[in-house]
C-alpha atoms as a PDB file:
ATOM      1  CA  MET A   1      89.253  97.473  27.301  1.00  0.00           C
ATOM      2  CA  ASN A   2      90.007  95.332  30.473  1.00  0.00           C
ATOM      3  CA  GLU A   3      93.312  93.756  29.381  1.00  0.00           C
ATOM      4  CA  GLN A   4      92.922  90.664  31.905  1.00  0.00           C
ATOM      5  CA  LYS A   5      89.548  90.356  31.000  1.00  0.00           C
ATOM      6  CA  LYS A   6      90.192  90.498  27.349  1.00  0.00           C
ATOM      7  CA  LEU A   7      92.916  87.489  28.399  1.00  0.00           C
ATOM      8  CA  ALA A   8      90.603  85.598  30.355  1.00  0.00           C
ATOM      9  CA  VAL A   9      88.339  85.408  27.257  1.00  0.00           C
ATOM     10  CA  ILE A  10      91.225  84.683  24.853  1.00  0.00           C
ATOM     11  CA  SER A  11      92.266  81.919  27.205  1.00  0.00           C
ATOM     12  CA  LYS A  12      88.822  80.006  26.353  1.00  0.00           C
ATOM     13  CA  MET A  13      89.664  80.100  22.519  1.00  0.00           C
ATOM     14  CA  GLY A  14      92.425  76.962  23.349  1.00  0.00           C
ATOM     15  CA  ALA A  15      94.035  75.411  20.081  1.00  0.00           C
ATOM     16  CA  LEU A  16      94.313  78.341  17.566  1.00  0.00           C
ATOM     17  CA  ARG A  17      95.560  78.850  13.994  1.00  0.00           C
ATOM     18  CA  LYS A  18      96.510  81.828  11.995  1.00  0.00           C
ATOM     19  CA  TYR A  19      93.527  83.534  10.287  1.00  0.00           C
ATOM     20  CA  ASN A  20      93.213  86.674   8.232  1.00  0.00           C
ATOM     21  CA  GLY A  21      95.660  88.548  10.360  1.00  0.00           C
ATOM     22  CA  GLY A  22      94.966  87.431  13.960  1.00  0.00           C
ATOM     23  CA  VAL A  23      93.981  84.089  15.275  1.00  0.00           C
ATOM     24  CA  THR A  24      90.798  81.652  15.453  1.00  0.00           C
ATOM     25  CA  PRO A  25      90.055  79.024  17.407  1.00  0.00           C
ATOM     26  CA  LEU A  26      89.521  75.115  15.991  1.00  0.00           C
ATOM     27  CA  THR A  27      86.566  74.906  18.282  1.00  0.00           C
ATOM     28  CA  MET A  28      84.522  78.028  19.136  1.00  0.00           C
ATOM     29  CA  PRO A  29      84.220  78.571  22.441  1.00  0.00           C
ATOM     30  CA  LEU A  30      80.776  79.270  23.862  1.00  0.00           C
ATOM     31  CA  VAL A  31      81.217  82.008  26.566  1.00  0.00           C
ATOM     32  CA  THR A  32      78.404  83.540  28.972  1.00  0.00           C
ATOM     33  CA  LEU A  33      77.328  86.850  27.823  1.00  0.00           C
ATOM     34  CA  GLU A  34      78.713  88.282  30.998  1.00  0.00           C
ATOM     35  CA  GLU A  35      82.311  86.643  29.925  1.00  0.00           C
ATOM     36  CA  TYR A  36      82.134  88.230  26.462  1.00  0.00           C
ATOM     37  CA  PHE A  37      81.160  92.034  27.516  1.00  0.00           C
ATOM     38  CA  ASP A  38      82.323  92.384  30.737  1.00  0.00           C
ATOM     39  CA  GLY A  39      85.662  94.272  30.128  1.00  0.00           C
ATOM     40  CA  ALA A  40      84.772  94.661  26.429  1.00  0.00           C
ATOM     41  CA  GLU A  41      84.330  98.647  27.113  1.00  0.00           C
ATOM     42  CA  GLY A  42      82.561  99.704  23.923  1.00  0.00           C
ATOM     43  CA  GLU A  43      85.347  97.174  22.123  1.00  0.00           C
ATOM     44  CA  ALA A  44      83.108  93.970  21.595  1.00  0.00           C
ATOM     45  CA  GLY A  45      82.203  93.639  17.884  1.00  0.00           C
ATOM     46  CA  LEU A  46      78.535  91.375  18.023  1.00  0.00           C
ATOM     47  CA  LEU A  47      76.192  93.308  15.487  1.00  0.00           C
ATOM     48  CA  CYS A  48      78.924  95.560  14.518  1.00  0.00           C
ATOM     49  CA  ASN A  49      77.416  95.742  11.006  1.00  0.00           C
ATOM     50  CA  SER A  50      73.842  96.173  12.113  1.00  0.00           C
ATOM     51  CA  ALA A  51      72.422  99.612  10.461  1.00  0.00           C
ATOM     52  CA  GLU A  52      70.999 100.299  13.964  1.00  0.00           C
ATOM     53  CA  ALA A  53      74.725 100.201  15.676  1.00  0.00           C
ATOM     54  CA  PRO A  54      73.668  99.206  19.217  1.00  0.00           C
ATOM     55  CA  ASP A  55      76.103  99.957  21.813  1.00  0.00           C
ATOM     56  CA  ASN A  56      77.383  96.741  23.721  1.00  0.00           C
ATOM     57  CA  ASP A  57      75.077  97.569  27.004  1.00  0.00           C
ATOM     58  CA  THR A  58      71.891  97.618  25.016  1.00  0.00           C
ATOM     59  CA  ILE A  59      73.336  94.135  23.057  1.00  0.00           C
ATOM     60  CA  LEU A  60      74.058  92.828  26.455  1.00  0.00           C
ATOM     61  CA  ALA A  61      70.411  93.442  28.178  1.00  0.00           C
ATOM     62  CA  THR A  62      68.835  92.319  25.114  1.00  0.00           C
ATOM     63  CA  PHE A  63      70.067  88.789  25.037  1.00  0.00           C
ATOM     64  CA  GLN A  64      70.139  88.934  28.999  1.00  0.00           C
ATOM     65  CA  SER A  65      66.215  89.504  28.772  1.00  0.00           C
ATOM     66  CA  ILE A  66      65.757  86.707  26.035  1.00  0.00           C
ATOM     67  CA  ARG A  67      67.885  84.116  28.533  1.00  0.00           C
ATOM     68  CA  LYS A  68      65.330  84.894  31.243  1.00  0.00           C
ATOM     69  CA  ARG A  69      62.177  83.562  29.150  1.00  0.00           C
ATOM     70  CA  PRO A  70      60.827  80.372  30.503  1.00  0.00           C
ATOM     71  CA  GLU A  71      61.414  78.619  26.946  1.00  0.00           C
ATOM     72  CA  VAL A  72      65.358  79.418  27.045  1.00  0.00           C
ATOM     73  CA  HIS A  73      67.802  77.400  29.061  1.00  0.00           C
ATOM     74  CA  ASP A  74      70.694  79.690  27.948  1.00  0.00           C
ATOM     75  CA  VAL A  75      72.289  82.232  25.319  1.00  0.00           C
ATOM     76  CA  ARG A  76      75.898  82.107  24.699  1.00  0.00           C
ATOM     77  CA  ILE A  77      78.450  83.720  22.645  1.00  0.00           C
ATOM     78  CA  ALA A  78      80.746  82.186  20.217  1.00  0.00           C
ATOM     79  CA  ILE A  79      83.974  83.642  19.757  1.00  0.00           C
ATOM     80  CA  VAL A  80      85.186  83.055  16.364  1.00  0.00           C
ATOM     81  CA  GLN A  81      88.358  85.434  15.917  1.00  0.00           C
ATOM     82  CA  CYS A  82      90.804  87.501  17.599  1.00  0.00           C
ATOM     83  CA  ASP A  83      92.681  90.329  15.824  1.00  0.00           C
ATOM     84  CA  ASP A  84      96.137  91.448  17.416  1.00  0.00           C
ATOM     85  CA  GLY A  85      95.662  93.520  20.413  1.00  0.00           C
ATOM     86  CA  GLU A  86      91.995  93.544  20.118  1.00  0.00           C
ATOM     87  CA  TRP A  87      88.708  92.424  21.818  1.00  0.00           C
ATOM     88  CA  PRO A  88      87.685  88.987  20.510  1.00  0.00           C
ATOM     89  CA  PHE A  89      85.084  88.981  17.723  1.00  0.00           C
ATOM     90  CA  SER A  90      82.149  87.149  17.253  1.00  0.00           C
ATOM     91  CA  ASP A  91      79.627  87.043  15.070  1.00  0.00           C
ATOM     92  CA  LYS A  92      77.414  84.180  16.144  1.00  0.00           C
ATOM     93  CA  VAL A  93      74.712  84.027  19.068  1.00  0.00           C
ATOM     94  CA  VAL A  94      73.864  80.564  20.594  1.00  0.00           C
ATOM     95  CA  VAL A  95      70.154  80.401  22.250  1.00  0.00           C
ATOM     96  CA  THR A  96      69.353  77.004  23.522  1.00  0.00           C
ATOM     97  CA  THR A  97      65.578  77.125  23.916  1.00  0.00           C
ATOM     98  CA  ARG A  98      62.271  74.743  23.108  1.00  0.00           C
ATOM     99  CA  ALA A  99      60.564  78.070  20.970  1.00  0.00           C
ATOM    100  CA  GLY A 100      60.462  78.114  17.821  1.00  0.00           C
ATOM    101  CA  GLU A 101      62.966  80.081  15.274  1.00  0.00           C
ATOM    102  CA  GLU A 102      60.160  82.916  14.394  1.00  0.00           C
ATOM    103  CA  ASP A 103      59.517  82.782  18.232  1.00  0.00           C
ATOM    104  CA  VAL A 104      63.157  83.713  19.202  1.00  0.00           C
ATOM    105  CA  VAL A 105      63.919  86.261  16.167  1.00  0.00           C
ATOM    106  CA  GLY A 106      60.381  88.218  17.121  1.00  0.00           C
ATOM    107  CA  TRP A 107      61.901  88.573  20.393  1.00  0.00           C
ATOM    108  CA  LEU A 108      64.880  90.891  18.927  1.00  0.00           C
ATOM    109  CA  PRO A 109      64.279  94.425  18.873  1.00  0.00           C
ATOM    110  CA  SER A 110      65.136  96.110  15.199  1.00  0.00           C
ATOM    111  CA  GLY A 111      68.316  95.967  14.159  1.00  0.00           C
ATOM    112  CA  PHE A 112      69.145  92.975  16.125  1.00  0.00           C
ATOM    113  CA  GLU A 113      67.847  90.473  13.148  1.00  0.00           C
ATOM    114  CA  PRO A 114      70.259  88.143  12.512  1.00  0.00           C
ATOM    115  CA  ASP A 115      71.357  87.254   8.641  1.00  0.00           C
ATOM    116  CA  GLU A 116      71.017  83.665   9.125  1.00  0.00           C
ATOM    117  CA  THR A 117      69.993  80.966  11.404  1.00  0.00           C
ATOM    118  CA  TRP A 118      70.359  77.341  11.623  1.00  0.00           C
ATOM    119  CA  GLU A 119      69.264  74.731  14.339  1.00  0.00           C
ATOM    120  CA  GLY A 120      72.047  72.565  16.142  1.00  0.00           C
ATOM    121  CA  ASP A 121      75.559  72.220  15.600  1.00  0.00           C
ATOM    122  CA  VAL A 122      77.210  72.043  12.108  1.00  0.00           C
ATOM    123  CA  ASP A 123      80.550  70.326  11.216  1.00  0.00           C
ATOM    124  CA  HIS A 124      81.906  73.118   9.288  1.00  0.00           C
ATOM    125  CA  LEU A 125      81.896  74.933  12.405  1.00  0.00           C
ATOM    126  CA  PRO A 126      82.906  73.382  15.580  1.00  0.00           C
ATOM    127  CA  ALA A 127      82.009  74.355  18.843  1.00  0.00           C
ATOM    128  CA  GLU A 128      82.274  73.854  22.488  1.00  0.00           C
ATOM    129  CA  GLN A 129      79.460  71.315  23.454  1.00  0.00           C
ATOM    130  CA  VAL A 130      77.506  73.211  26.077  1.00  0.00           C
ATOM    131  CA  GLU A 131      74.152  71.616  28.101  1.00  0.00           C
ATOM    132  CA  VAL A 132      71.368  71.002  26.115  1.00  0.00           C
ATOM    133  CA  PRO A 133      68.504  69.753  28.212  1.00  0.00           C
ATOM    134  CA  ALA A 134      65.548  67.229  26.640  1.00  0.00           C
ATOM    135  CA  GLY A 135      63.172  69.342  24.655  1.00  0.00           C
ATOM    136  CA  TYR A 136      65.276  71.562  23.941  1.00  0.00           C
ATOM    137  CA  ARG A 137      68.017  72.581  21.075  1.00  0.00           C
ATOM    138  CA  LYS A 138      70.636  75.040  20.055  1.00  0.00           C
ATOM    139  CA  LEU A 139      69.445  77.938  17.495  1.00  0.00           C
ATOM    140  CA  TRP A 140      72.632  79.704  16.101  1.00  0.00           C
ATOM    141  CA  LEU A 141      72.171  83.427  15.246  1.00  0.00           C
ATOM    142  CA  TRP A 142      74.449  84.646  12.638  1.00  0.00           C
ATOM    143  CA  TYR A 143      75.293  87.990  12.065  1.00  0.00           C
ATOM    144  CA  ASP A 144      77.186  89.160   9.113  1.00  0.00           C
END
């Protein structure tokens, strides 16, 4: 993994607290797909529990194709944790869209089905605020 790019992603985590052998941000940064995957070189943990075990290039390409859809404004990765010496971990993707939840989930290939979805932000998971144009909303995809 590229240490300089890893440190750049970690710097976006802001204020931290110790958690489970590593650190977690007080407010989850929502980074771009490119910020999250560029430099990870196979170390990013998104979808790490999927039976399909997609590689980072496949995950990146999948979410980039969703971001290109006319009913999608943006796709971001929520950084939730960083263990000492590891690439920052995420189990959440945020799709800013005007499409319905079933539509978004339907765009995902086999192995990319989220364990849970929800719309909008929730108080117990503070996240960075990003632009949400009128008529759009945040759809969270959570991967256990």
